[in-house]
All heavy atoms as atom14 arrays in JSON, in Angstrom:
{
  "sequence": "LTFSTLSALLFALMGIGLGVWMGSLVILFDGAYSFVSLLLTMLSLGAA",
  "atom14_mask": [
    [1, 1, 1, 1, 1, 1, 1, 1, 0, 0, 0, 0, 0, 0],
    [1, 1, 1, 1, 1, 1, 1, 0, 0, 0, 0, 0, 0, 0],
    [1, 1, 1, 1, 1, 1, 1, 1, 1, 1, 1, 0, 0, 0],
    [1, 1, 1, 1, 1, 1, 0, 0, 0, 0, 0, 0, 0, 0],
    [1, 1, 1, 1, 1, 1, 1, 0, 0, 0, 0, 0, 0, 0],
    [1, 1, 1, 1, 1, 1, 1, 1, 0, 0, 0, 0, 0, 0],
    [1, 1, 1, 1, 1, 1, 0, 0, 0, 0, 0, 0, 0, 0],
    [1, 1, 1, 1, 1, 0, 0, 0, 0, 0, 0, 0, 0, 0],
    [1, 1, 1, 1, 1, 1, 1, 1, 0, 0, 0, 0, 0, 0],
    [1, 1, 1, 1, 1, 1, 1, 1, 0, 0, 0, 0, 0, 0],
    [1, 1, 1, 1, 1, 1, 1, 1, 1, 1, 1, 0, 0, 0],
    [1, 1, 1, 1, 1, 0, 0, 0, 0, 0, 0, 0, 0, 0],
    [1, 1, 1, 1, 1, 1, 1, 1, 0, 0, 0, 0, 0, 0],
    [1, 1, 1, 1, 1, 1, 1, 1, 0, 0, 0, 0, 0, 0],
    [1, 1, 1, 1, 0, 0, 0, 0, 0, 0, 0, 0, 0, 0],
    [1, 1, 1, 1, 1, 1, 1, 1, 0, 0, 0, 0, 0, 0],
    [1, 1, 1, 1, 0, 0, 0, 0, 0, 0, 0, 0, 0, 0],
    [1, 1, 1, 1, 1, 1, 1, 1, 0, 0, 0, 0, 0, 0],
    [1, 1, 1, 1, 0, 0, 0, 0, 0, 0, 0, 0, 0, 0],
    [1, 1, 1, 1, 1, 1, 1, 0, 0, 0, 0, 0, 0, 0],
    [1, 1, 1, 1, 1, 1, 1, 1, 1, 1, 1, 1, 1, 1],
    [1, 1, 1, 1, 1, 1, 1, 1, 0, 0, 0, 0, 0, 0],
    [1, 1, 1, 1, 0, 0, 0, 0, 0, 0, 0, 0, 0, 0],
    [1, 1, 1, 1, 1, 1, 0, 0, 0, 0, 0, 0, 0, 0],
    [1, 1, 1, 1, 1, 1, 1, 1, 0, 0, 0, 0, 0, 0],
    [1, 1, 1, 1, 1, 1, 1, 0, 0, 0, 0, 0, 0, 0],
    [1, 1, 1, 1, 1, 1, 1, 1, 0, 0, 0, 0, 0, 0],
    [1, 1, 1, 1, 1, 1, 1, 1, 0, 0, 0, 0, 0, 0],
    [1, 1, 1, 1, 1, 1, 1, 1, 1, 1, 1, 0, 0, 0],
    [1, 1, 1, 1, 1, 1, 1, 1, 0, 0, 0, 0, 0, 0],
    [1, 1, 1, 1, 0, 0, 0, 0, 0, 0, 0, 0, 0, 0],
    [1, 1, 1, 1, 1, 0, 0, 0, 0, 0, 0, 0, 0, 0],
    [1, 1, 1, 1, 1, 1, 1, 1, 1, 1, 1, 1, 0, 0],
    [1, 1, 1, 1, 1, 1, 0, 0, 0, 0, 0, 0, 0, 0],
    [1, 1, 1, 1, 1, 1, 1, 1, 1, 1, 1, 0, 0, 0],
    [1, 1, 1, 1, 1, 1, 1, 0, 0, 0, 0, 0, 0, 0],
    [1, 1, 1, 1, 1, 1, 0, 0, 0, 0, 0, 0, 0, 0],
    [1, 1, 1, 1, 1, 1, 1, 1, 0, 0, 0, 0, 0, 0],
    [1, 1, 1, 1, 1, 1, 1, 1, 0, 0, 0, 0, 0, 0],
    [1, 1, 1, 1, 1, 1, 1, 1, 0, 0, 0, 0, 0, 0],
    [1, 1, 1, 1, 1, 1, 1, 0, 0, 0, 0, 0, 0, 0],
    [1, 1, 1, 1, 1, 1, 1, 1, 0, 0, 0, 0, 0, 0],
    [1, 1, 1, 1, 1, 1, 1, 1, 0, 0, 0, 0, 0, 0],
    [1, 1, 1, 1, 1, 1, 0, 0, 0, 0, 0, 0, 0, 0],
    [1, 1, 1, 1, 1, 1, 1, 1, 0, 0, 0, 0, 0, 0],
    [1, 1, 1, 1, 0, 0, 0, 0, 0, 0, 0, 0, 0, 0],
    [1, 1, 1, 1, 1, 0, 0, 0, 0, 0, 0, 0, 0, 0],
    [1, 1, 1, 1, 1, 0, 0, 0, 0, 0, 0, 0, 0, 0]
  ],
  "atom14_positions": [
    [[-9.94, 10.43, -4.14], [-9.3, 9.9, -2.94], [-9.75, 8.47, -2.67], [-8.96, 7.63, -2.23], [-9.61, 10.79, -1.74], [-8.89, 12.15, -1.72], [-9.39, 13.0, -0.56], [-7.38, 11.97, -1.6], [0.0, 0.0, 0.0], [0.0, 0.0, 0.0], [0.0, 0.0, 0.0], [0.0, 0.0, 0.0], [0.0, 0.0, 0.0], [0.0, 0.0, 0.0]],
    [[-11.02, 8.17, -2.94], [-11.53, 6.81, -2.78], [-10.86, 5.86, -3.78], [-10.46, 4.75, -3.44], [-13.05, 6.77, -2.98], [-13.67, 7.64, -2.02], [-13.59, 5.35, -2.8], [0.0, 0.0, 0.0], [0.0, 0.0, 0.0], [0.0, 0.0, 0.0], [0.0, 0.0, 0.0], [0.0, 0.0, 0.0], [0.0, 0.0, 0.0], [0.0, 0.0, 0.0]],
    [[-10.73, 6.33, -5.03], [-10.04, 5.56, -6.07], [-8.6, 5.28, -5.66], [-8.09, 4.16, -5.8], [-10.08, 6.34, -7.39], [-9.15, 5.82, -8.45], [-9.33, 4.57, -9.0], [-8.09, 6.6, -8.9], [-8.48, 4.09, -9.98], [-7.24, 6.14, -9.88], [-7.43, 4.87, -10.42], [0.0, 0.0, 0.0], [0.0, 0.0, 0.0], [0.0, 0.0, 0.0]],
    [[-7.92, 6.28, -5.13], [-6.54, 6.13, -4.68], [-6.46, 5.15, -3.51], [-5.51, 4.34, -3.43], [-5.97, 7.49, -4.26], [-4.64, 7.37, -3.85], [0.0, 0.0, 0.0], [0.0, 0.0, 0.0], [0.0, 0.0, 0.0], [0.0, 0.0, 0.0], [0.0, 0.0, 0.0], [0.0, 0.0, 0.0], [0.0, 0.0, 0.0], [0.0, 0.0, 0.0]],
    [[-7.43, 5.18, -2.61], [-7.45, 4.27, -1.46], [-7.54, 2.82, -1.91], [-6.8, 1.95, -1.42], [-8.65, 4.6, -0.54], [-8.53, 5.95, -0.08], [-8.68, 3.67, 0.66], [0.0, 0.0, 0.0], [0.0, 0.0, 0.0], [0.0, 0.0, 0.0], [0.0, 0.0, 0.0], [0.0, 0.0, 0.0], [0.0, 0.0, 0.0], [0.0, 0.0, 0.0]],
    [[-8.45, 2.54, -2.83], [-8.64, 1.17, -3.31], [-7.4, 0.67, -4.06], [-6.99, -0.48, -3.9], [-9.87, 1.1, -4.23], [-11.21, 1.39, -3.55], [-12.34, 1.41, -4.58], [-11.5, 0.35, -2.46], [0.0, 0.0, 0.0], [0.0, 0.0, 0.0], [0.0, 0.0, 0.0], [0.0, 0.0, 0.0], [0.0, 0.0, 0.0], [0.0, 0.0, 0.0]],
    [[-6.78, 1.55, -4.85], [-5.56, 1.17, -5.58], [-4.42, 0.88, -4.6], [-3.69, -0.11, -4.75], [-5.13, 2.31, -6.52], [-6.08, 2.51, -7.53], [0.0, 0.0, 0.0], [0.0, 0.0, 0.0], [0.0, 0.0, 0.0], [0.0, 0.0, 0.0], [0.0, 0.0, 0.0], [0.0, 0.0, 0.0], [0.0, 0.0, 0.0], [0.0, 0.0, 0.0]],
    [[-4.27, 1.73, -3.58], [-3.21, 1.53, -2.6], [-3.41, 0.23, -1.83], [-2.44, -0.49, -1.54], [-3.16, 2.72, -1.63], [0.0, 0.0, 0.0], [0.0, 0.0, 0.0], [0.0, 0.0, 0.0], [0.0, 0.0, 0.0], [0.0, 0.0, 0.0], [0.0, 0.0, 0.0], [0.0, 0.0, 0.0], [0.0, 0.0, 0.0], [0.0, 0.0, 0.0]],
    [[-4.66, -0.09, -1.5], [-4.95, -1.34, -0.79], [-4.54, -2.55, -1.64], [-3.9, -3.48, -1.14], [-6.44, -1.41, -0.46], [-6.93, -2.72, 0.19], [-6.23, -2.95, 1.52], [-8.45, -2.69, 0.37], [0.0, 0.0, 0.0], [0.0, 0.0, 0.0], [0.0, 0.0, 0.0], [0.0, 0.0, 0.0], [0.0, 0.0, 0.0], [0.0, 0.0, 0.0]],
    [[-4.89, -2.53, -2.92], [-4.55, -3.63, -3.83], [-3.04, -3.83, -3.92], [-2.54, -4.94, -3.76], [-5.14, -3.35, -5.21], [-4.75, -4.34, -6.32], [-5.28, -5.74, -5.99], [-5.29, -3.88, -7.67], [0.0, 0.0, 0.0], [0.0, 0.0, 0.0], [0.0, 0.0, 0.0], [0.0, 0.0, 0.0], [0.0, 0.0, 0.0], [0.0, 0.0, 0.0]],
    [[-2.31, -2.75, -4.16], [-0.86, -2.86, -4.34], [-0.14, -3.15, -3.02], [0.91, -3.8, -3.02], [-0.31, -1.59, -4.99], [-0.72, -1.43, -6.42], [-1.49, -0.36, -6.83], [-0.35, -2.37, -7.36], [-1.88, -0.22, -8.14], [-0.73, -2.25, -8.69], [-1.5, -1.18, -9.08], [0.0, 0.0, 0.0], [0.0, 0.0, 0.0], [0.0, 0.0, 0.0]],
    [[-0.69, -2.7, -1.91], [-0.09, -2.99, -0.61], [-0.18, -4.49, -0.31], [0.81, -5.12, 0.09], [-0.79, -2.19, 0.49], [0.0, 0.0, 0.0], [0.0, 0.0, 0.0], [0.0, 0.0, 0.0], [0.0, 0.0, 0.0], [0.0, 0.0, 0.0], [0.0, 0.0, 0.0], [0.0, 0.0, 0.0], [0.0, 0.0, 0.0], [0.0, 0.0, 0.0]],
    [[-1.36, -5.06, -0.52], [-1.55, -6.5, -0.27], [-0.67, -7.33, -1.2], [-0.02, -8.29, -0.77], [-3.02, -6.88, -0.47], [-4.01, -6.3, 0.56], [-5.44, -6.66, 0.17], [-3.7, -6.82, 1.96], [0.0, 0.0, 0.0], [0.0, 0.0, 0.0], [0.0, 0.0, 0.0], [0.0, 0.0, 0.0], [0.0, 0.0, 0.0], [0.0, 0.0, 0.0]],
    [[-0.61, -6.95, -2.47], [0.19, -7.68, -3.44], [1.68, -7.56, -3.13], [2.42, -8.56, -3.13], [-0.1, -7.18, -4.85], [0.64, -7.93, -5.94], [0.08, -7.51, -7.62], [0.56, -5.78, -7.7], [0.0, 0.0, 0.0], [0.0, 0.0, 0.0], [0.0, 0.0, 0.0], [0.0, 0.0, 0.0], [0.0, 0.0, 0.0], [0.0, 0.0, 0.0]],
    [[2.14, -6.35, -2.85], [3.57, -6.13, -2.62], [4.07, -6.76, -1.33], [5.1, -7.44, -1.33], [0.0, 0.0, 0.0], [0.0, 0.0, 0.0], [0.0, 0.0, 0.0], [0.0, 0.0, 0.0], [0.0, 0.0, 0.0], [0.0, 0.0, 0.0], [0.0, 0.0, 0.0], [0.0, 0.0, 0.0], [0.0, 0.0, 0.0], [0.0, 0.0, 0.0]],
    [[3.34, -6.57, -0.23], [3.77, -7.14, 1.05], [3.7, -8.66, 1.02], [4.61, -9.35, 1.48], [2.91, -6.57, 2.2], [3.2, -5.07, 2.37], [3.2, -7.3, 3.51], [2.31, -4.39, 3.39], [0.0, 0.0, 0.0], [0.0, 0.0, 0.0], [0.0, 0.0, 0.0], [0.0, 0.0, 0.0], [0.0, 0.0, 0.0], [0.0, 0.0, 0.0]],
    [[2.62, -9.19, 0.43], [2.47, -10.65, 0.34], [3.59, -11.29, -0.46], [4.24, -12.24, -0.01], [0.0, 0.0, 0.0], [0.0, 0.0, 0.0], [0.0, 0.0, 0.0], [0.0, 0.0, 0.0], [0.0, 0.0, 0.0], [0.0, 0.0, 0.0], [0.0, 0.0, 0.0], [0.0, 0.0, 0.0], [0.0, 0.0, 0.0], [0.0, 0.0, 0.0]],
    [[3.86, -10.77, -1.66], [4.92, -11.33, -2.51], [6.3, -11.06, -1.92], [7.2, -11.9, -2.03], [4.83, -10.73, -3.91], [3.85, -11.39, -4.88], [3.8, -10.64, -6.19], [4.23, -12.84, -5.13], [0.0, 0.0, 0.0], [0.0, 0.0, 0.0], [0.0, 0.0, 0.0], [0.0, 0.0, 0.0], [0.0, 0.0, 0.0], [0.0, 0.0, 0.0]],
    [[6.47, -9.88, -1.31], [7.77, -9.54, -0.73], [8.16, -10.5, 0.38], [9.32, -10.96, 0.44], [0.0, 0.0, 0.0], [0.0, 0.0, 0.0], [0.0, 0.0, 0.0], [0.0, 0.0, 0.0], [0.0, 0.0, 0.0], [0.0, 0.0, 0.0], [0.0, 0.0, 0.0], [0.0, 0.0, 0.0], [0.0, 0.0, 0.0], [0.0, 0.0, 0.0]],
    [[7.21, -10.83, 1.25], [7.48, -11.78, 2.35], [7.7, -13.18, 1.79], [8.62, -13.9, 2.2], [6.31, -11.77, 3.36], [6.49, -12.89, 4.39], [6.24, -10.41, 4.07], [0.0, 0.0, 0.0], [0.0, 0.0, 0.0], [0.0, 0.0, 0.0], [0.0, 0.0, 0.0], [0.0, 0.0, 0.0], [0.0, 0.0, 0.0], [0.0, 0.0, 0.0]],
    [[6.85, -13.59, 0.84], [6.93, -14.94, 0.28], [8.24, -15.17, -0.47], [8.87, -16.22, -0.34], [5.75, -15.17, -0.66], [5.74, -16.52, -1.31], [5.92, -17.73, -0.71], [5.57, -16.79, -2.71], [5.85, -18.74, -1.64], [5.63, -18.19, -2.87], [5.33, -15.99, -3.82], [5.48, -18.81, -4.11], [5.18, -16.61, -5.05], [5.26, -17.99, -5.2]],
    [[8.67, -14.15, -1.25], [9.88, -14.29, -2.06], [11.14, -13.86, -1.32], [12.25, -14.08, -1.8], [9.74, -13.47, -3.34], [8.63, -13.93, -4.27], [8.39, -12.8, -5.67], [10.01, -12.89, -6.42], [0.0, 0.0, 0.0], [0.0, 0.0, 0.0], [0.0, 0.0, 0.0], [0.0, 0.0, 0.0], [0.0, 0.0, 0.0], [0.0, 0.0, 0.0]],
    [[10.99, -13.22, -0.17], [12.15, -12.74, 0.57], [12.85, -11.59, -0.11], [14.07, -11.43, -0.02], [0.0, 0.0, 0.0], [0.0, 0.0, 0.0], [0.0, 0.0, 0.0], [0.0, 0.0, 0.0], [0.0, 0.0, 0.0], [0.0, 0.0, 0.0], [0.0, 0.0, 0.0], [0.0, 0.0, 0.0], [0.0, 0.0, 0.0], [0.0, 0.0, 0.0]],
    [[12.05, -10.74, -0.81], [12.62, -9.61, -1.55], [12.39, -8.31, -0.8], [11.25, -7.91, -0.55], [11.96, -9.51, -2.95], [12.3, -8.29, -3.56], [0.0, 0.0, 0.0], [0.0, 0.0, 0.0], [0.0, 0.0, 0.0], [0.0, 0.0, 0.0], [0.0, 0.0, 0.0], [0.0, 0.0, 0.0], [0.0, 0.0, 0.0], [0.0, 0.0, 0.0]],
    [[13.48, -7.64, -0.46], [13.37, -6.36, 0.24], [12.76, -5.27, -0.63], [11.97, -4.46, -0.15], [14.77, -5.9, 0.7], [15.31, -6.47, 2.01], [16.69, -5.92, 2.27], [14.38, -6.14, 3.17], [0.0, 0.0, 0.0], [0.0, 0.0, 0.0], [0.0, 0.0, 0.0], [0.0, 0.0, 0.0], [0.0, 0.0, 0.0], [0.0, 0.0, 0.0]],
    [[13.11, -5.26, -1.91], [12.63, -4.18, -2.76], [11.13, -4.32, -3.04], [10.41, -3.32, -3.11], [13.44, -4.11, -4.08], [13.11, -5.23, -5.02], [13.25, -2.75, -4.75], [0.0, 0.0, 0.0], [0.0, 0.0, 0.0], [0.0, 0.0, 0.0], [0.0, 0.0, 0.0], [0.0, 0.0, 0.0], [0.0, 0.0, 0.0], [0.0, 0.0, 0.0]],
    [[10.63, -5.53, -3.18], [9.19, -5.74, -3.35], [8.47, -5.41, -2.05], [7.4, -4.79, -2.04], [8.88, -7.18, -3.81], [9.39, -7.41, -5.23], [7.37, -7.45, -3.76], [9.13, -8.81, -5.76], [0.0, 0.0, 0.0], [0.0, 0.0, 0.0], [0.0, 0.0, 0.0], [0.0, 0.0, 0.0], [0.0, 0.0, 0.0], [0.0, 0.0, 0.0]],
    [[9.07, -5.8, -0.93], [8.49, -5.49, 0.37], [8.47, -3.97, 0.59], [7.5, -3.42, 1.13], [9.3, -6.17, 1.48], [8.71, -6.14, 2.89], [7.33, -6.81, 2.91], [9.64, -6.85, 3.86], [0.0, 0.0, 0.0], [0.0, 0.0, 0.0], [0.0, 0.0, 0.0], [0.0, 0.0, 0.0], [0.0, 0.0, 0.0], [0.0, 0.0, 0.0]],
    [[9.54, -3.28, 0.17], [9.59, -1.83, 0.25], [8.47, -1.2, -0.57], [7.79, -0.27, -0.12], [10.96, -1.35, -0.26], [11.1, 0.15, -0.37], [11.15, 0.93, 0.77], [11.18, 0.77, -1.6], [11.29, 2.31, 0.68], [11.31, 2.14, -1.7], [11.37, 2.92, -0.56], [0.0, 0.0, 0.0], [0.0, 0.0, 0.0], [0.0, 0.0, 0.0]],
    [[8.25, -1.74, -1.77], [7.19, -1.23, -2.63], [5.83, -1.44, -1.98], [4.97, -0.55, -1.98], [7.25, -1.94, -3.98], [6.35, -1.31, -5.02], [5.13, -1.55, -4.95], [6.84, -0.57, -5.89], [0.0, 0.0, 0.0], [0.0, 0.0, 0.0], [0.0, 0.0, 0.0], [0.0, 0.0, 0.0], [0.0, 0.0, 0.0], [0.0, 0.0, 0.0]],
    [[5.61, -2.64, -1.42], [4.34, -2.92, -0.77], [4.13, -2.08, 0.48], [3.03, -1.61, 0.75], [0.0, 0.0, 0.0], [0.0, 0.0, 0.0], [0.0, 0.0, 0.0], [0.0, 0.0, 0.0], [0.0, 0.0, 0.0], [0.0, 0.0, 0.0], [0.0, 0.0, 0.0], [0.0, 0.0, 0.0], [0.0, 0.0, 0.0], [0.0, 0.0, 0.0]],
    [[5.22, -1.89, 1.25], [5.13, -1.06, 2.46], [4.81, 0.38, 2.11], [4.03, 1.04, 2.8], [6.44, -1.13, 3.23], [0.0, 0.0, 0.0], [0.0, 0.0, 0.0], [0.0, 0.0, 0.0], [0.0, 0.0, 0.0], [0.0, 0.0, 0.0], [0.0, 0.0, 0.0], [0.0, 0.0, 0.0], [0.0, 0.0, 0.0], [0.0, 0.0, 0.0]],
    [[5.4, 0.87, 1.01], [5.09, 2.24, 0.56], [3.61, 2.36, 0.21], [2.95, 3.34, 0.55], [5.95, 2.61, -0.64], [5.69, 4.02, -1.12], [6.36, 5.1, -0.54], [4.75, 4.27, -2.12], [6.1, 6.39, -0.95], [4.49, 5.57, -2.53], [5.17, 6.62, -1.95], [4.91, 7.9, -2.36], [0.0, 0.0, 0.0], [0.0, 0.0, 0.0]],
    [[3.07, 1.33, -0.49], [1.65, 1.34, -0.84], [0.78, 1.3, 0.41], [-0.28, 1.93, 0.46], [1.32, 0.15, -1.75], [1.99, 0.26, -2.99], [0.0, 0.0, 0.0], [0.0, 0.0, 0.0], [0.0, 0.0, 0.0], [0.0, 0.0, 0.0], [0.0, 0.0, 0.0], [0.0, 0.0, 0.0], [0.0, 0.0, 0.0], [0.0, 0.0, 0.0]],
    [[1.23, 0.54, 1.44], [0.46, 0.47, 2.69], [0.45, 1.82, 3.4], [-0.59, 2.28, 3.89], [1.04, -0.6, 3.6], [0.3, -0.75, 4.91], [-0.96, -1.3, 4.94], [0.87, -0.32, 6.09], [-1.67, -1.43, 6.14], [0.19, -0.44, 7.3], [-1.08, -1.0, 7.31], [0.0, 0.0, 0.0], [0.0, 0.0, 0.0], [0.0, 0.0, 0.0]],
    [[1.62, 2.47, 3.43], [1.69, 3.81, 4.02], [0.82, 4.78, 3.22], [0.11, 5.61, 3.79], [3.16, 4.31, 4.06], [3.21, 5.78, 4.48], [3.96, 3.47, 5.05], [0.0, 0.0, 0.0], [0.0, 0.0, 0.0], [0.0, 0.0, 0.0], [0.0, 0.0, 0.0], [0.0, 0.0, 0.0], [0.0, 0.0, 0.0], [0.0, 0.0, 0.0]],
    [[0.85, 4.64, 1.88], [0.01, 5.48, 1.03], [-1.47, 5.27, 1.34], [-2.26, 6.22, 1.33], [0.27, 5.16, -0.46], [1.57, 5.51, -0.83], [0.0, 0.0, 0.0], [0.0, 0.0, 0.0], [0.0, 0.0, 0.0], [0.0, 0.0, 0.0], [0.0, 0.0, 0.0], [0.0, 0.0, 0.0], [0.0, 0.0, 0.0], [0.0, 0.0, 0.0]],
    [[-1.83, 4.01, 1.61], [-3.22, 3.69, 1.96], [-3.64, 4.44, 3.23], [-4.7, 5.08, 3.27], [-3.37, 2.19, 2.15], [-4.7, 1.69, 2.73], [-5.86, 2.02, 1.79], [-4.63, 0.18, 3.0], [0.0, 0.0, 0.0], [0.0, 0.0, 0.0], [0.0, 0.0, 0.0], [0.0, 0.0, 0.0], [0.0, 0.0, 0.0], [0.0, 0.0, 0.0]],
    [[-2.81, 4.36, 4.26], [-3.13, 5.03, 5.52], [-3.21, 6.54, 5.34], [-4.11, 7.21, 5.88], [-2.07, 4.69, 6.58], [-1.97, 3.21, 6.98], [-0.86, 3.03, 8.01], [-3.29, 2.71, 7.55], [0.0, 0.0, 0.0], [0.0, 0.0, 0.0], [0.0, 0.0, 0.0], [0.0, 0.0, 0.0], [0.0, 0.0, 0.0], [0.0, 0.0, 0.0]],
    [[-2.28, 7.08, 4.55], [-2.25, 8.52, 4.34], [-3.42, 9.0, 3.48], [-3.95, 10.09, 3.67], [-0.92, 8.93, 3.69], [0.32, 8.68, 4.55], [1.58, 9.02, 3.77], [0.26, 9.47, 5.84], [0.0, 0.0, 0.0], [0.0, 0.0, 0.0], [0.0, 0.0, 0.0], [0.0, 0.0, 0.0], [0.0, 0.0, 0.0], [0.0, 0.0, 0.0]],
    [[-3.83, 8.15, 2.52], [-4.99, 8.51, 1.7], [-6.26, 8.51, 2.55], [-7.14, 9.37, 2.38], [-5.14, 7.53, 0.53], [-3.95, 7.54, -0.27], [-6.32, 7.91, -0.36], [0.0, 0.0, 0.0], [0.0, 0.0, 0.0], [0.0, 0.0, 0.0], [0.0, 0.0, 0.0], [0.0, 0.0, 0.0], [0.0, 0.0, 0.0], [0.0, 0.0, 0.0]],
    [[-6.36, 7.55, 3.47], [-7.5, 7.54, 4.38], [-7.5, 8.8, 5.25], [-8.57, 9.36, 5.55], [-7.45, 6.27, 5.25], [-7.7, 4.99, 4.46], [-7.48, 3.49, 5.42], [-8.84, 3.63, 6.57], [0.0, 0.0, 0.0], [0.0, 0.0, 0.0], [0.0, 0.0, 0.0], [0.0, 0.0, 0.0], [0.0, 0.0, 0.0], [0.0, 0.0, 0.0]],
    [[-6.3, 9.24, 5.63], [-6.19, 10.49, 6.39], [-6.67, 11.67, 5.54], [-7.38, 12.55, 6.02], [-4.73, 10.7, 6.81], [-4.41, 12.01, 7.57], [-5.15, 12.06, 8.9], [-2.91, 12.13, 7.8], [0.0, 0.0, 0.0], [0.0, 0.0, 0.0], [0.0, 0.0, 0.0], [0.0, 0.0, 0.0], [0.0, 0.0, 0.0], [0.0, 0.0, 0.0]],
    [[-6.29, 11.67, 4.26], [-6.73, 12.73, 3.35], [-8.24, 12.71, 3.16], [-8.89, 13.76, 3.09], [-6.05, 12.57, 1.99], [-4.65, 12.79, 2.1], [0.0, 0.0, 0.0], [0.0, 0.0, 0.0], [0.0, 0.0, 0.0], [0.0, 0.0, 0.0], [0.0, 0.0, 0.0], [0.0, 0.0, 0.0], [0.0, 0.0, 0.0], [0.0, 0.0, 0.0]],
    [[-8.81, 11.5, 3.08], [-10.26, 11.38, 2.95], [-10.96, 11.99, 4.17], [-11.94, 12.72, 4.04], [-10.65, 9.9, 2.81], [-10.85, 9.36, 1.39], [-11.06, 7.85, 1.43], [-12.03, 10.04, 0.72], [0.0, 0.0, 0.0], [0.0, 0.0, 0.0], [0.0, 0.0, 0.0], [0.0, 0.0, 0.0], [0.0, 0.0, 0.0], [0.0, 0.0, 0.0]],
    [[-10.45, 11.66, 5.35], [-11.02, 12.22, 6.58], [-10.88, 13.73, 6.61], [-11.81, 14.43, 7.02], [0.0, 0.0, 0.0], [0.0, 0.0, 0.0], [0.0, 0.0, 0.0], [0.0, 0.0, 0.0], [0.0, 0.0, 0.0], [0.0, 0.0, 0.0], [0.0, 0.0, 0.0], [0.0, 0.0, 0.0], [0.0, 0.0, 0.0], [0.0, 0.0, 0.0]],
    [[-9.72, 14.23, 6.16], [-9.5, 15.68, 6.14], [-10.45, 16.36, 5.17], [-11.02, 17.42, 5.46], [-8.05, 15.98, 5.76], [0.0, 0.0, 0.0], [0.0, 0.0, 0.0], [0.0, 0.0, 0.0], [0.0, 0.0, 0.0], [0.0, 0.0, 0.0], [0.0, 0.0, 0.0], [0.0, 0.0, 0.0], [0.0, 0.0, 0.0], [0.0, 0.0, 0.0]],
    [[-10.64, 15.73, 3.99], [-11.54, 16.31, 2.99], [-12.97, 16.36, 3.52], [-13.69, 17.35, 3.31], [-11.48, 15.49, 1.7], [0.0, 0.0, 0.0], [0.0, 0.0, 0.0], [0.0, 0.0, 0.0], [0.0, 0.0, 0.0], [0.0, 0.0, 0.0], [0.0, 0.0, 0.0], [0.0, 0.0, 0.0], [0.0, 0.0, 0.0], [0.0, 0.0, 0.0]]
  ]
}
């Protein structure tokens, strides 16, 4: 779960940053999904 959290953080920052800079909805969608995954993984960590 910790490994998943760090991966989600990396891809969320990369996807949201590039999505906003390039004006791409699909990249922003990918980054937003990673950000949601990050929050949910943190929830899973707390649950575990």
